[in-house]
Amino acid sequence: MLIAARLKSDIQKLKGLLSAEFEIKDLGDAQKILGMEIYKDMLKKKILLSQKSYIQKILSRFGISSAKPLNTPSASNIHLSSAYAPHSEAEKEYMSRVPYASAVGSLMYAMVCTRPDLAHVVSVVSRFMIQHGKKHWQAVKRIFQYLKGTPDVGIGFGSDAECLVSGYSDSYYAGDVDMRRSMTGYVFTLGSSIVSWKATLQSTVTFSTTEAECMALT
């Protein structure tokens, strides 16, 4: 359990109430929760959430630890589609031994918790959970290589003079090669802190970049 409050006295009061009903263990200042490390700069009044240990763990799990780190999560000249699904029996047999779903699930957890920069590419590779070929697997491994080069990246929360909510949206027109649907991406910030993000396919096919942008904004 993670407890946060403006005053330490409120935290101590809550701990007292909990300990009166349950057997609890006080671990002191929060340093880690649900695979996320918590770094605090008390002078600057800032908190950073990172998954460095988790990222190193999944890199080792999927054998990417020794791979070359990359500075982008995807290649701009690669457009994944169902056409890259395995066709020959030999390729189907090979891909059946590839831990594709497990790898994408691991990437998805990082994206949901602390890595908004993975939202688009994870959304793309997750479309091929059932029919995935070698090019799909190469795209997944590239994301791991990007994580290897950026293990310290996380999301920060600071003390802003103006805690205004701002929202930004964008679209990728006809980004889905198979169904010609566009992609919506958005991010919301509270002050300078990112608090919500998503990348997803739009529900219908749009007929222009303007229409795709309007749907994303809506």
N, C-alpha and C. Protein backbone atom coordinates (compact mmCIF):
# COMPACT_ATOMS: atom_id res chain seq x y z
N MET A 1 0.84 -1.19 0.00
CA MET A 1 0.00 0.00 0.00
C MET A 1 0.88 1.24 0.00
N LEU A 2 0.51 2.20 -0.83
CA LEU A 2 1.24 3.47 -0.91
C LEU A 2 0.35 4.57 -0.35
N ILE A 3 0.86 5.31 0.63
CA ILE A 3 0.09 6.37 1.28
C ILE A 3 0.74 7.71 0.97
N ALA A 4 -0.07 8.67 0.55
CA ALA A 4 0.44 10.02 0.26
C ALA A 4 -0.49 11.05 0.87
N ALA A 5 0.10 12.10 1.42
CA ALA A 5 -0.69 13.18 2.02
C ALA A 5 0.17 14.43 2.10
N ARG A 6 -0.46 15.56 2.31
CA ARG A 6 0.28 16.83 2.44
C ARG A 6 1.06 16.87 3.75
N LEU A 7 0.46 16.31 4.81
CA LEU A 7 1.07 16.37 6.14
C LEU A 7 1.48 14.98 6.62
N LYS A 8 2.67 14.88 7.21
CA LYS A 8 3.12 13.59 7.75
C LYS A 8 2.22 13.12 8.88
N SER A 9 1.64 14.07 9.61
CA SER A 9 0.75 13.70 10.72
C SER A 9 -0.47 12.94 10.21
N ASP A 10 -0.94 13.30 9.01
CA ASP A 10 -2.08 12.58 8.43
C ASP A 10 -1.68 11.14 8.07
N ILE A 11 -0.46 10.98 7.59
CA ILE A 11 0.03 9.64 7.25
C ILE A 11 0.15 8.79 8.50
N GLN A 12 0.72 9.37 9.56
CA GLN A 12 0.87 8.63 10.81
C GLN A 12 -0.49 8.25 11.41
N LYS A 13 -1.46 9.14 11.28
CA LYS A 13 -2.80 8.86 11.79
C LYS A 13 -3.42 7.67 11.06
N LEU A 14 -3.27 7.67 9.73
CA LEU A 14 -3.82 6.57 8.93
C LEU A 14 -3.12 5.26 9.25
N LYS A 15 -1.80 5.30 9.42
CA LYS A 15 -1.06 4.09 9.78
C LYS A 15 -1.54 3.55 11.12
N GLY A 16 -1.81 4.46 12.05
CA GLY A 16 -2.30 4.03 13.36
C GLY A 16 -3.65 3.34 13.26
N LEU A 17 -4.54 3.88 12.44
CA LEU A 17 -5.86 3.27 12.25
C LEU A 17 -5.74 1.89 11.60
N LEU A 18 -4.85 1.78 10.61
CA LEU A 18 -4.67 0.50 9.93
C LEU A 18 -4.07 -0.55 10.86
N SER A 19 -3.05 -0.15 11.61
CA SER A 19 -2.38 -1.10 12.50
C SER A 19 -3.29 -1.58 13.62
N ALA A 20 -4.32 -0.79 13.95
CA ALA A 20 -5.27 -1.20 14.98
C ALA A 20 -6.18 -2.33 14.49
N GLU A 21 -6.33 -2.43 13.16
CA GLU A 21 -7.23 -3.44 12.58
C GLU A 21 -6.47 -4.59 11.91
N PHE A 22 -5.28 -4.30 11.39
CA PHE A 22 -4.54 -5.30 10.63
C PHE A 22 -3.09 -5.36 11.10
N GLU A 23 -2.45 -6.48 10.81
CA GLU A 23 -1.02 -6.59 11.06
C GLU A 23 -0.28 -6.00 9.87
N ILE A 24 0.43 -4.92 10.08
CA ILE A 24 1.09 -4.24 8.96
C ILE A 24 2.59 -4.12 9.23
N LYS A 25 3.34 -3.89 8.16
CA LYS A 25 4.78 -3.66 8.25
C LYS A 25 5.09 -2.33 7.59
N ASP A 26 5.66 -1.42 8.34
CA ASP A 26 5.98 -0.09 7.83
C ASP A 26 7.34 -0.14 7.12
N LEU A 27 7.34 0.10 5.83
CA LEU A 27 8.57 0.06 5.04
C LEU A 27 9.22 1.43 4.89
N GLY A 28 8.66 2.44 5.55
CA GLY A 28 9.26 3.78 5.48
C GLY A 28 8.92 4.50 4.18
N ASP A 29 9.79 5.43 3.80
CA ASP A 29 9.56 6.20 2.57
C ASP A 29 9.45 5.27 1.37
N ALA A 30 8.49 5.57 0.50
CA ALA A 30 8.25 4.73 -0.68
C ALA A 30 9.43 4.80 -1.63
N GLN A 31 9.92 3.64 -2.03
CA GLN A 31 11.02 3.56 -3.00
C GLN A 31 10.63 2.75 -4.23
N LYS A 32 9.64 1.88 -4.09
CA LYS A 32 9.24 1.04 -5.20
C LYS A 32 7.81 0.55 -5.00
N ILE A 33 7.04 0.50 -6.08
CA ILE A 33 5.69 -0.07 -6.01
C ILE A 33 5.30 -0.58 -7.39
N LEU A 34 4.79 -1.80 -7.44
CA LEU A 34 4.31 -2.42 -8.67
C LEU A 34 5.35 -2.37 -9.80
N GLY A 35 6.62 -2.59 -9.45
CA GLY A 35 7.67 -2.59 -10.45
C GLY A 35 8.17 -1.22 -10.85
N MET A 36 7.66 -0.17 -10.21
CA MET A 36 8.09 1.20 -10.51
C MET A 36 8.96 1.72 -9.38
N GLU A 37 10.12 2.26 -9.73
CA GLU A 37 10.99 2.88 -8.74
C GLU A 37 10.60 4.35 -8.55
N ILE A 38 10.66 4.81 -7.32
CA ILE A 38 10.26 6.18 -7.00
C ILE A 38 11.49 6.96 -6.55
N TYR A 39 11.82 8.01 -7.29
CA TYR A 39 12.96 8.86 -6.95
C TYR A 39 12.43 10.25 -6.57
N LYS A 40 12.89 10.75 -5.44
CA LYS A 40 12.38 12.04 -4.94
C LYS A 40 13.52 13.05 -4.80
N ASP A 41 13.26 14.25 -5.26
CA ASP A 41 14.18 15.38 -5.07
C ASP A 41 13.44 16.38 -4.19
N MET A 42 13.71 16.32 -2.90
CA MET A 42 12.96 17.14 -1.95
C MET A 42 13.24 18.63 -2.13
N LEU A 43 14.47 18.98 -2.55
CA LEU A 43 14.80 20.39 -2.73
C LEU A 43 14.02 21.00 -3.90
N LYS A 44 13.92 20.25 -4.99
CA LYS A 44 13.20 20.74 -6.17
C LYS A 44 11.71 20.37 -6.14
N LYS A 45 11.31 19.62 -5.10
CA LYS A 45 9.92 19.17 -4.95
C LYS A 45 9.46 18.41 -6.20
N LYS A 46 10.26 17.43 -6.59
CA LYS A 46 9.94 16.64 -7.77
C LYS A 46 10.03 15.15 -7.47
N ILE A 47 9.21 14.39 -8.18
CA ILE A 47 9.20 12.93 -8.07
C ILE A 47 9.34 12.34 -9.48
N LEU A 48 10.17 11.32 -9.62
CA LEU A 48 10.32 10.63 -10.90
C LEU A 48 9.96 9.17 -10.72
N LEU A 49 9.12 8.67 -11.61
CA LEU A 49 8.78 7.25 -11.64
C LEU A 49 9.54 6.60 -12.80
N SER A 50 10.26 5.53 -12.51
CA SER A 50 11.05 4.85 -13.52
C SER A 50 10.87 3.34 -13.37
N GLN A 51 11.11 2.61 -14.45
CA GLN A 51 11.04 1.15 -14.42
C GLN A 51 12.36 0.54 -14.88
N LYS A 52 13.46 1.15 -14.48
CA LYS A 52 14.77 0.71 -14.93
C LYS A 52 15.02 -0.75 -14.60
N SER A 53 14.75 -1.16 -13.36
CA SER A 53 14.98 -2.55 -12.96
C SER A 53 14.09 -3.51 -13.74
N TYR A 54 12.84 -3.12 -13.93
CA TYR A 54 11.90 -3.95 -14.69
C TYR A 54 12.37 -4.10 -16.13
N ILE A 55 12.83 -3.00 -16.72
CA ILE A 55 13.31 -3.04 -18.11
C ILE A 55 14.52 -3.95 -18.24
N GLN A 56 15.45 -3.86 -17.31
CA GLN A 56 16.63 -4.73 -17.35
C GLN A 56 16.22 -6.20 -17.20
N LYS A 57 15.19 -6.43 -16.39
CA LYS A 57 14.71 -7.80 -16.18
C LYS A 57 14.11 -8.38 -17.45
N ILE A 58 13.28 -7.62 -18.15
CA ILE A 58 12.65 -8.16 -19.36
C ILE A 58 13.65 -8.24 -20.52
N LEU A 59 14.64 -7.36 -20.54
CA LEU A 59 15.69 -7.47 -21.55
C LEU A 59 16.43 -8.79 -21.40
N SER A 60 16.72 -9.16 -20.16
CA SER A 60 17.39 -10.43 -19.89
C SER A 60 16.48 -11.61 -20.20
N ARG A 61 15.21 -11.48 -19.83
CA ARG A 61 14.24 -12.56 -20.03
C ARG A 61 14.09 -12.94 -21.49
N PHE A 62 14.10 -11.94 -22.38
CA PHE A 62 13.89 -12.21 -23.80
C PHE A 62 15.19 -12.19 -24.61
N GLY A 63 16.32 -12.24 -23.91
CA GLY A 63 17.60 -12.38 -24.58
C GLY A 63 18.03 -11.18 -25.39
N ILE A 64 17.68 -9.98 -24.95
CA ILE A 64 18.02 -8.76 -25.69
C ILE A 64 19.14 -7.99 -24.99
N SER A 65 19.63 -8.48 -23.87
CA SER A 65 20.60 -7.74 -23.06
C SER A 65 21.86 -7.37 -23.84
N SER A 66 22.29 -8.23 -24.75
CA SER A 66 23.53 -7.98 -25.48
C SER A 66 23.30 -7.31 -26.83
N ALA A 67 22.04 -7.00 -27.15
CA ALA A 67 21.72 -6.39 -28.44
C ALA A 67 22.17 -4.93 -28.47
N LYS A 68 22.31 -4.39 -29.66
CA LYS A 68 22.73 -3.01 -29.85
C LYS A 68 21.60 -2.06 -29.47
N PRO A 69 21.84 -1.08 -28.60
CA PRO A 69 20.79 -0.13 -28.24
C PRO A 69 20.46 0.81 -29.41
N LEU A 70 19.19 1.18 -29.53
CA LEU A 70 18.75 2.08 -30.59
C LEU A 70 18.08 3.31 -29.98
N ASN A 71 18.05 4.41 -30.75
CA ASN A 71 17.49 5.65 -30.21
C ASN A 71 16.07 5.95 -30.66
N THR A 72 15.46 5.03 -31.42
CA THR A 72 14.04 5.16 -31.78
C THR A 72 13.36 3.81 -31.60
N PRO A 73 12.08 3.79 -31.21
CA PRO A 73 11.41 2.51 -30.97
C PRO A 73 10.91 1.81 -32.22
N SER A 74 10.89 2.50 -33.36
CA SER A 74 10.43 1.87 -34.60
C SER A 74 11.14 2.50 -35.79
N ALA A 75 11.15 1.77 -36.90
CA ALA A 75 11.76 2.27 -38.13
C ALA A 75 10.69 2.96 -38.97
N SER A 76 10.99 4.12 -39.47
CA SER A 76 9.99 4.91 -40.20
C SER A 76 9.60 4.27 -41.54
N ASN A 77 10.47 3.41 -42.08
CA ASN A 77 10.19 2.82 -43.40
C ASN A 77 9.50 1.46 -43.31
N ILE A 78 9.14 1.02 -42.11
CA ILE A 78 8.47 -0.27 -41.93
C ILE A 78 7.01 -0.05 -41.55
N HIS A 79 6.10 -0.59 -42.35
CA HIS A 79 4.67 -0.49 -42.08
C HIS A 79 4.13 -1.92 -41.92
N LEU A 80 3.90 -2.32 -40.70
CA LEU A 80 3.49 -3.70 -40.44
C LEU A 80 2.07 -3.96 -40.91
N SER A 81 1.85 -5.16 -41.41
CA SER A 81 0.52 -5.58 -41.85
C SER A 81 0.40 -7.08 -41.70
N SER A 82 -0.81 -7.56 -41.91
CA SER A 82 -1.06 -9.00 -41.82
C SER A 82 -0.40 -9.76 -42.96
N ALA A 83 0.07 -9.04 -43.98
CA ALA A 83 0.74 -9.70 -45.11
C ALA A 83 2.05 -10.34 -44.67
N TYR A 84 2.59 -9.90 -43.53
CA TYR A 84 3.84 -10.46 -43.03
C TYR A 84 3.61 -11.69 -42.14
N ALA A 85 2.38 -12.15 -42.03
CA ALA A 85 2.09 -13.36 -41.26
C ALA A 85 2.76 -14.55 -41.94
N PRO A 86 3.11 -15.58 -41.18
CA PRO A 86 3.79 -16.74 -41.78
C PRO A 86 2.89 -17.49 -42.76
N HIS A 87 3.49 -17.93 -43.88
CA HIS A 87 2.74 -18.65 -44.91
C HIS A 87 3.19 -20.11 -45.02
N SER A 88 4.48 -20.33 -44.95
CA SER A 88 4.97 -21.70 -45.06
C SER A 88 4.86 -22.41 -43.71
N GLU A 89 4.81 -23.73 -43.78
CA GLU A 89 4.72 -24.53 -42.55
C GLU A 89 5.97 -24.36 -41.69
N ALA A 90 7.12 -24.21 -42.33
CA ALA A 90 8.38 -24.05 -41.61
C ALA A 90 8.37 -22.73 -40.82
N GLU A 91 7.85 -21.67 -41.44
CA GLU A 91 7.80 -20.38 -40.76
C GLU A 91 6.78 -20.41 -39.63
N LYS A 92 5.65 -21.09 -39.87
CA LYS A 92 4.64 -21.21 -38.81
C LYS A 92 5.20 -21.96 -37.61
N GLU A 93 5.97 -23.01 -37.88
CA GLU A 93 6.58 -23.78 -36.81
C GLU A 93 7.58 -22.92 -36.04
N TYR A 94 8.37 -22.13 -36.78
CA TYR A 94 9.36 -21.26 -36.13
C TYR A 94 8.68 -20.22 -35.25
N MET A 95 7.65 -19.57 -35.76
CA MET A 95 6.98 -18.50 -35.02
C MET A 95 6.19 -19.03 -33.84
N SER A 96 5.81 -20.31 -33.87
CA SER A 96 5.08 -20.89 -32.73
C SER A 96 5.96 -20.97 -31.49
N ARG A 97 7.28 -20.94 -31.70
CA ARG A 97 8.22 -21.01 -30.57
C ARG A 97 8.67 -19.62 -30.10
N VAL A 98 8.22 -18.59 -30.78
CA VAL A 98 8.60 -17.21 -30.42
C VAL A 98 7.63 -16.69 -29.36
N PRO A 99 8.13 -16.15 -28.23
CA PRO A 99 7.25 -15.67 -27.15
C PRO A 99 6.67 -14.28 -27.44
N TYR A 100 5.97 -14.18 -28.57
CA TYR A 100 5.50 -12.87 -29.04
C TYR A 100 4.53 -12.23 -28.07
N ALA A 101 3.49 -12.95 -27.69
CA ALA A 101 2.45 -12.39 -26.82
C ALA A 101 3.03 -11.98 -25.46
N SER A 102 3.91 -12.81 -24.92
CA SER A 102 4.53 -12.51 -23.63
C SER A 102 5.40 -11.26 -23.72
N ALA A 103 6.14 -11.13 -24.81
CA ALA A 103 7.01 -9.98 -25.00
C ALA A 103 6.20 -8.69 -25.15
N VAL A 104 5.16 -8.75 -25.96
CA VAL A 104 4.31 -7.56 -26.15
C VAL A 104 3.62 -7.19 -24.84
N GLY A 105 3.18 -8.19 -24.08
CA GLY A 105 2.56 -7.92 -22.79
C GLY A 105 3.51 -7.23 -21.83
N SER A 106 4.77 -7.63 -21.84
CA SER A 106 5.79 -7.01 -20.99
C SER A 106 6.02 -5.56 -21.40
N LEU A 107 6.05 -5.31 -22.71
CA LEU A 107 6.22 -3.94 -23.21
C LEU A 107 5.00 -3.09 -22.87
N MET A 108 3.83 -3.71 -22.93
CA MET A 108 2.60 -2.98 -22.65
C MET A 108 2.57 -2.50 -21.20
N TYR A 109 3.10 -3.31 -20.29
CA TYR A 109 3.11 -2.90 -18.87
C TYR A 109 4.00 -1.68 -18.68
N ALA A 110 5.16 -1.66 -19.35
CA ALA A 110 6.04 -0.49 -19.27
C ALA A 110 5.35 0.73 -19.86
N MET A 111 4.66 0.55 -20.98
CA MET A 111 3.98 1.67 -21.63
C MET A 111 2.87 2.24 -20.76
N VAL A 112 2.11 1.37 -20.11
CA VAL A 112 0.99 1.82 -19.29
C VAL A 112 1.47 2.57 -18.04
N CYS A 113 2.60 2.14 -17.48
CA CYS A 113 3.05 2.70 -16.20
C CYS A 113 3.87 3.97 -16.34
N THR A 114 4.95 3.93 -17.13
CA THR A 114 5.89 5.06 -17.12
C THR A 114 6.42 5.47 -18.49
N ARG A 115 6.00 4.79 -19.57
CA ARG A 115 6.61 5.07 -20.86
C ARG A 115 5.60 5.48 -21.93
N PRO A 116 5.15 6.73 -21.89
CA PRO A 116 4.25 7.22 -22.94
C PRO A 116 4.87 7.15 -24.33
N ASP A 117 6.20 7.17 -24.40
CA ASP A 117 6.89 7.14 -25.69
C ASP A 117 6.72 5.81 -26.42
N LEU A 118 6.21 4.80 -25.72
CA LEU A 118 5.99 3.49 -26.35
C LEU A 118 4.56 3.31 -26.83
N ALA A 119 3.68 4.26 -26.56
CA ALA A 119 2.25 4.06 -26.79
C ALA A 119 1.94 3.70 -28.24
N HIS A 120 2.50 4.42 -29.18
CA HIS A 120 2.17 4.18 -30.58
C HIS A 120 2.69 2.83 -31.06
N VAL A 121 3.97 2.57 -30.84
CA VAL A 121 4.56 1.35 -31.39
C VAL A 121 4.01 0.09 -30.72
N VAL A 122 3.72 0.16 -29.42
CA VAL A 122 3.13 -1.00 -28.75
C VAL A 122 1.72 -1.25 -29.26
N SER A 123 0.99 -0.17 -29.55
CA SER A 123 -0.35 -0.32 -30.13
C SER A 123 -0.28 -1.05 -31.48
N VAL A 124 0.75 -0.76 -32.25
CA VAL A 124 0.91 -1.38 -33.58
C VAL A 124 1.23 -2.87 -33.45
N VAL A 125 2.24 -3.22 -32.66
CA VAL A 125 2.65 -4.63 -32.60
C VAL A 125 1.62 -5.50 -31.89
N SER A 126 0.77 -4.89 -31.05
CA SER A 126 -0.24 -5.67 -30.33
C SER A 126 -1.38 -6.11 -31.24
N ARG A 127 -1.45 -5.61 -32.46
CA ARG A 127 -2.51 -6.02 -33.39
C ARG A 127 -2.25 -7.41 -33.98
N PHE A 128 -1.04 -7.92 -33.80
CA PHE A 128 -0.66 -9.17 -34.45
C PHE A 128 -0.35 -10.26 -33.44
N MET A 129 -1.12 -10.28 -32.36
CA MET A 129 -0.91 -11.28 -31.32
C MET A 129 -1.12 -12.71 -31.84
N ILE A 130 -2.07 -12.89 -32.75
CA ILE A 130 -2.40 -14.24 -33.23
C ILE A 130 -1.58 -14.59 -34.48
N GLN A 131 -1.63 -13.71 -35.49
CA GLN A 131 -0.90 -13.96 -36.73
C GLN A 131 0.32 -13.05 -36.80
N HIS A 132 1.43 -13.51 -36.24
CA HIS A 132 2.65 -12.71 -36.26
C HIS A 132 3.76 -13.46 -37.00
N GLY A 133 4.47 -12.70 -37.83
CA GLY A 133 5.57 -13.27 -38.59
C GLY A 133 6.91 -12.71 -38.14
N LYS A 134 7.94 -12.99 -38.93
CA LYS A 134 9.29 -12.59 -38.55
C LYS A 134 9.45 -11.07 -38.49
N LYS A 135 8.80 -10.36 -39.41
CA LYS A 135 8.93 -8.90 -39.40
C LYS A 135 8.24 -8.29 -38.17
N HIS A 136 7.13 -8.89 -37.75
CA HIS A 136 6.47 -8.43 -36.53
C HIS A 136 7.39 -8.65 -35.33
N TRP A 137 8.04 -9.79 -35.29
CA TRP A 137 8.94 -10.11 -34.18
C TRP A 137 10.16 -9.18 -34.20
N GLN A 138 10.66 -8.87 -35.38
CA GLN A 138 11.78 -7.92 -35.48
C GLN A 138 11.38 -6.54 -34.94
N ALA A 139 10.13 -6.14 -35.19
CA ALA A 139 9.64 -4.85 -34.69
C ALA A 139 9.58 -4.85 -33.17
N VAL A 140 9.17 -5.99 -32.60
CA VAL A 140 9.11 -6.10 -31.14
C VAL A 140 10.52 -6.04 -30.55
N LYS A 141 11.46 -6.74 -31.17
CA LYS A 141 12.84 -6.73 -30.67
C LYS A 141 13.46 -5.34 -30.79
N ARG A 142 13.05 -4.58 -31.79
CA ARG A 142 13.57 -3.21 -31.91
C ARG A 142 13.11 -2.34 -30.74
N ILE A 143 11.88 -2.57 -30.28
CA ILE A 143 11.39 -1.81 -29.12
C ILE A 143 12.25 -2.12 -27.90
N PHE A 144 12.60 -3.39 -27.73
CA PHE A 144 13.48 -3.78 -26.62
C PHE A 144 14.84 -3.10 -26.76
N GLN A 145 15.35 -3.01 -27.98
CA GLN A 145 16.64 -2.36 -28.20
C GLN A 145 16.55 -0.86 -27.85
N TYR A 146 15.40 -0.27 -28.15
CA TYR A 146 15.18 1.13 -27.77
C TYR A 146 15.17 1.28 -26.24
N LEU A 147 14.51 0.35 -25.58
CA LEU A 147 14.48 0.38 -24.11
C LEU A 147 15.87 0.21 -23.52
N LYS A 148 16.69 -0.61 -24.18
CA LYS A 148 18.06 -0.80 -23.68
C LYS A 148 18.83 0.51 -23.71
N GLY A 149 18.56 1.33 -24.72
CA GLY A 149 19.24 2.61 -24.82
C GLY A 149 18.63 3.71 -23.98
N THR A 150 17.43 3.47 -23.44
CA THR A 150 16.74 4.51 -22.66
C THR A 150 16.14 3.95 -21.37
N PRO A 151 16.91 3.20 -20.57
CA PRO A 151 16.34 2.56 -19.38
C PRO A 151 15.95 3.54 -18.28
N ASP A 152 16.57 4.72 -18.26
CA ASP A 152 16.33 5.69 -17.19
C ASP A 152 15.15 6.62 -17.47
N VAL A 153 14.60 6.54 -18.66
CA VAL A 153 13.48 7.43 -19.00
C VAL A 153 12.26 7.07 -18.17
N GLY A 154 11.56 8.07 -17.67
CA GLY A 154 10.36 7.83 -16.88
C GLY A 154 9.45 9.04 -16.95
N ILE A 155 8.52 9.14 -16.03
CA ILE A 155 7.65 10.31 -15.99
C ILE A 155 7.90 11.06 -14.69
N GLY A 156 7.92 12.38 -14.80
CA GLY A 156 8.21 13.22 -13.64
C GLY A 156 7.01 14.02 -13.20
N PHE A 157 6.93 14.27 -11.91
CA PHE A 157 5.87 15.09 -11.34
C PHE A 157 6.53 16.16 -10.49
N GLY A 158 6.18 17.42 -10.77
CA GLY A 158 6.82 18.52 -10.05
C GLY A 158 5.82 19.48 -9.46
N SER A 159 6.35 20.46 -8.75
CA SER A 159 5.54 21.50 -8.12
C SER A 159 5.47 22.69 -9.07
N ASP A 160 4.34 22.84 -9.75
CA ASP A 160 4.18 23.92 -10.72
C ASP A 160 3.37 25.07 -10.12
N ALA A 161 3.74 26.28 -10.54
CA ALA A 161 3.00 27.45 -10.07
C ALA A 161 1.56 27.40 -10.56
N GLU A 162 1.38 26.96 -11.82
CA GLU A 162 0.05 26.86 -12.40
C GLU A 162 -0.23 25.40 -12.77
N CYS A 163 -1.10 24.77 -12.01
CA CYS A 163 -1.45 23.37 -12.30
C CYS A 163 -2.64 23.33 -13.26
N LEU A 164 -2.40 23.71 -14.49
CA LEU A 164 -3.44 23.72 -15.49
C LEU A 164 -3.46 22.38 -16.24
N VAL A 165 -4.66 21.92 -16.57
CA VAL A 165 -4.81 20.71 -17.36
C VAL A 165 -4.74 21.08 -18.84
N SER A 166 -3.83 20.44 -19.57
CA SER A 166 -3.70 20.67 -21.01
C SER A 166 -3.78 19.34 -21.74
N GLY A 167 -4.36 19.37 -22.93
CA GLY A 167 -4.48 18.16 -23.72
C GLY A 167 -3.95 18.37 -25.13
N TYR A 168 -3.30 17.36 -25.67
CA TYR A 168 -2.75 17.42 -27.02
C TYR A 168 -3.16 16.16 -27.77
N SER A 169 -3.53 16.31 -29.03
CA SER A 169 -3.91 15.14 -29.82
C SER A 169 -3.25 15.21 -31.19
N ASP A 170 -3.14 14.04 -31.82
CA ASP A 170 -2.58 13.96 -33.16
C ASP A 170 -3.16 12.72 -33.82
N SER A 171 -3.01 12.63 -35.12
CA SER A 171 -3.50 11.44 -35.83
C SER A 171 -2.48 11.01 -36.88
N TYR A 172 -2.53 9.73 -37.21
CA TYR A 172 -1.69 9.16 -38.26
C TYR A 172 -2.66 8.64 -39.31
N TYR A 173 -2.81 9.38 -40.38
CA TYR A 173 -3.84 9.08 -41.38
C TYR A 173 -3.59 7.73 -42.07
N ALA A 174 -4.62 6.87 -42.02
CA ALA A 174 -4.59 5.56 -42.67
C ALA A 174 -3.34 4.77 -42.27
N GLY A 175 -2.98 4.88 -41.00
CA GLY A 175 -1.78 4.20 -40.53
C GLY A 175 -1.90 2.68 -40.49
N ASP A 176 -3.13 2.18 -40.41
CA ASP A 176 -3.35 0.74 -40.41
C ASP A 176 -3.41 0.26 -41.87
N VAL A 177 -2.38 -0.42 -42.32
CA VAL A 177 -2.28 -0.83 -43.71
C VAL A 177 -3.41 -1.78 -44.10
N ASP A 178 -3.85 -2.63 -43.18
CA ASP A 178 -4.85 -3.66 -43.51
C ASP A 178 -6.26 -3.09 -43.64
N MET A 179 -6.67 -2.24 -42.69
CA MET A 179 -8.05 -1.74 -42.69
C MET A 179 -8.17 -0.27 -43.05
N ARG A 180 -7.03 0.38 -43.29
CA ARG A 180 -6.98 1.79 -43.69
C ARG A 180 -7.56 2.72 -42.64
N ARG A 181 -7.57 2.27 -41.40
CA ARG A 181 -8.02 3.16 -40.31
C ARG A 181 -6.85 4.01 -39.82
N SER A 182 -7.18 5.17 -39.30
CA SER A 182 -6.17 6.09 -38.81
C SER A 182 -5.92 5.87 -37.32
N MET A 183 -4.81 6.40 -36.86
CA MET A 183 -4.43 6.27 -35.46
C MET A 183 -4.70 7.58 -34.72
N THR A 184 -5.25 7.46 -33.53
CA THR A 184 -5.40 8.61 -32.64
C THR A 184 -4.37 8.52 -31.52
N GLY A 185 -3.70 9.62 -31.27
CA GLY A 185 -2.79 9.69 -30.13
C GLY A 185 -3.13 10.92 -29.31
N TYR A 186 -3.10 10.79 -27.98
CA TYR A 186 -3.32 11.96 -27.14
C TYR A 186 -2.48 11.88 -25.88
N VAL A 187 -2.25 13.03 -25.28
CA VAL A 187 -1.57 13.12 -24.00
C VAL A 187 -2.15 14.29 -23.23
N PHE A 188 -2.35 14.10 -21.93
CA PHE A 188 -2.83 15.16 -21.06
C PHE A 188 -1.78 15.44 -19.99
N THR A 189 -1.62 16.71 -19.69
CA THR A 189 -0.66 17.10 -18.66
C THR A 189 -1.34 17.92 -17.59
N LEU A 190 -0.84 17.81 -16.38
CA LEU A 190 -1.25 18.65 -15.26
C LEU A 190 -0.02 19.47 -14.89
N GLY A 191 -0.04 20.76 -15.25
CA GLY A 191 1.17 21.54 -15.15
C GLY A 191 2.17 21.01 -16.17
N SER A 192 3.36 20.64 -15.74
CA SER A 192 4.36 20.07 -16.64
C SER A 192 4.43 18.55 -16.53
N SER A 193 3.49 17.95 -15.81
CA SER A 193 3.53 16.50 -15.56
C SER A 193 2.54 15.77 -16.46
N ILE A 194 3.01 14.71 -17.12
CA ILE A 194 2.13 13.87 -17.94
C ILE A 194 1.30 12.97 -17.02
N VAL A 195 -0.01 13.00 -17.19
CA VAL A 195 -0.88 12.22 -16.31
C VAL A 195 -1.76 11.22 -17.07
N SER A 196 -1.88 11.35 -18.39
CA SER A 196 -2.72 10.42 -19.15
C SER A 196 -2.26 10.41 -20.60
N TRP A 197 -2.23 9.20 -21.21
CA TRP A 197 -1.79 9.10 -22.60
C TRP A 197 -2.36 7.85 -23.23
N LYS A 198 -2.46 7.87 -24.56
CA LYS A 198 -2.99 6.71 -25.27
C LYS A 198 -2.72 6.84 -26.76
N ALA A 199 -2.58 5.69 -27.43
CA ALA A 199 -2.51 5.62 -28.88
C ALA A 199 -3.39 4.45 -29.29
N THR A 200 -4.35 4.70 -30.18
CA THR A 200 -5.30 3.65 -30.54
C THR A 200 -5.83 3.87 -31.94
N LEU A 201 -6.33 2.82 -32.57
CA LEU A 201 -6.94 2.95 -33.89
C LEU A 201 -8.30 3.64 -33.76
N GLN A 202 -8.62 4.47 -34.73
CA GLN A 202 -9.94 5.10 -34.75
C GLN A 202 -10.99 4.06 -35.14
N SER A 203 -12.21 4.28 -34.69
CA SER A 203 -13.25 3.26 -34.85
C SER A 203 -13.78 3.15 -36.27
N THR A 204 -13.62 4.20 -37.08
CA THR A 204 -14.10 4.17 -38.46
C THR A 204 -13.03 4.68 -39.41
N VAL A 205 -13.22 4.42 -40.68
CA VAL A 205 -12.27 4.88 -41.70
C VAL A 205 -12.57 6.34 -42.03
N THR A 206 -11.54 7.17 -42.02
CA THR A 206 -11.70 8.57 -42.40
C THR A 206 -11.23 8.76 -43.84
N PHE A 207 -11.71 9.85 -44.47
CA PHE A 207 -11.44 10.05 -45.89
C PHE A 207 -10.47 11.19 -46.18
N SER A 208 -9.92 11.76 -45.11
CA SER A 208 -8.92 12.82 -45.30
C SER A 208 -8.13 12.98 -44.01
N THR A 209 -6.97 13.61 -44.15
CA THR A 209 -6.16 13.88 -42.96
C THR A 209 -6.89 14.84 -42.02
N THR A 210 -7.66 15.77 -42.60
CA THR A 210 -8.42 16.71 -41.76
C THR A 210 -9.46 15.99 -40.93
N GLU A 211 -10.17 15.04 -41.55
CA GLU A 211 -11.18 14.28 -40.82
C GLU A 211 -10.54 13.43 -39.72
N ALA A 212 -9.39 12.87 -40.03
CA ALA A 212 -8.69 12.06 -39.02
C ALA A 212 -8.24 12.92 -37.85
N GLU A 213 -7.77 14.14 -38.14
CA GLU A 213 -7.35 15.06 -37.07
C GLU A 213 -8.54 15.46 -36.22
N CYS A 214 -9.67 15.75 -36.86
CA CYS A 214 -10.88 16.15 -36.11
C CYS A 214 -11.38 15.03 -35.21
N MET A 215 -11.31 13.78 -35.72
CA MET A 215 -11.73 12.65 -34.91
C MET A 215 -10.80 12.46 -33.71
N ALA A 216 -9.51 12.64 -33.94
CA ALA A 216 -8.54 12.53 -32.85
C ALA A 216 -8.79 13.60 -31.79
N LEU A 217 -9.06 14.82 -32.26
CA LEU A 217 -9.31 15.92 -31.33
C LEU A 217 -10.59 15.70 -30.54
N THR A 218 -11.62 15.17 -31.20
CA THR A 218 -12.88 14.87 -30.51
C THR A 218 -12.69 13.82 -29.44
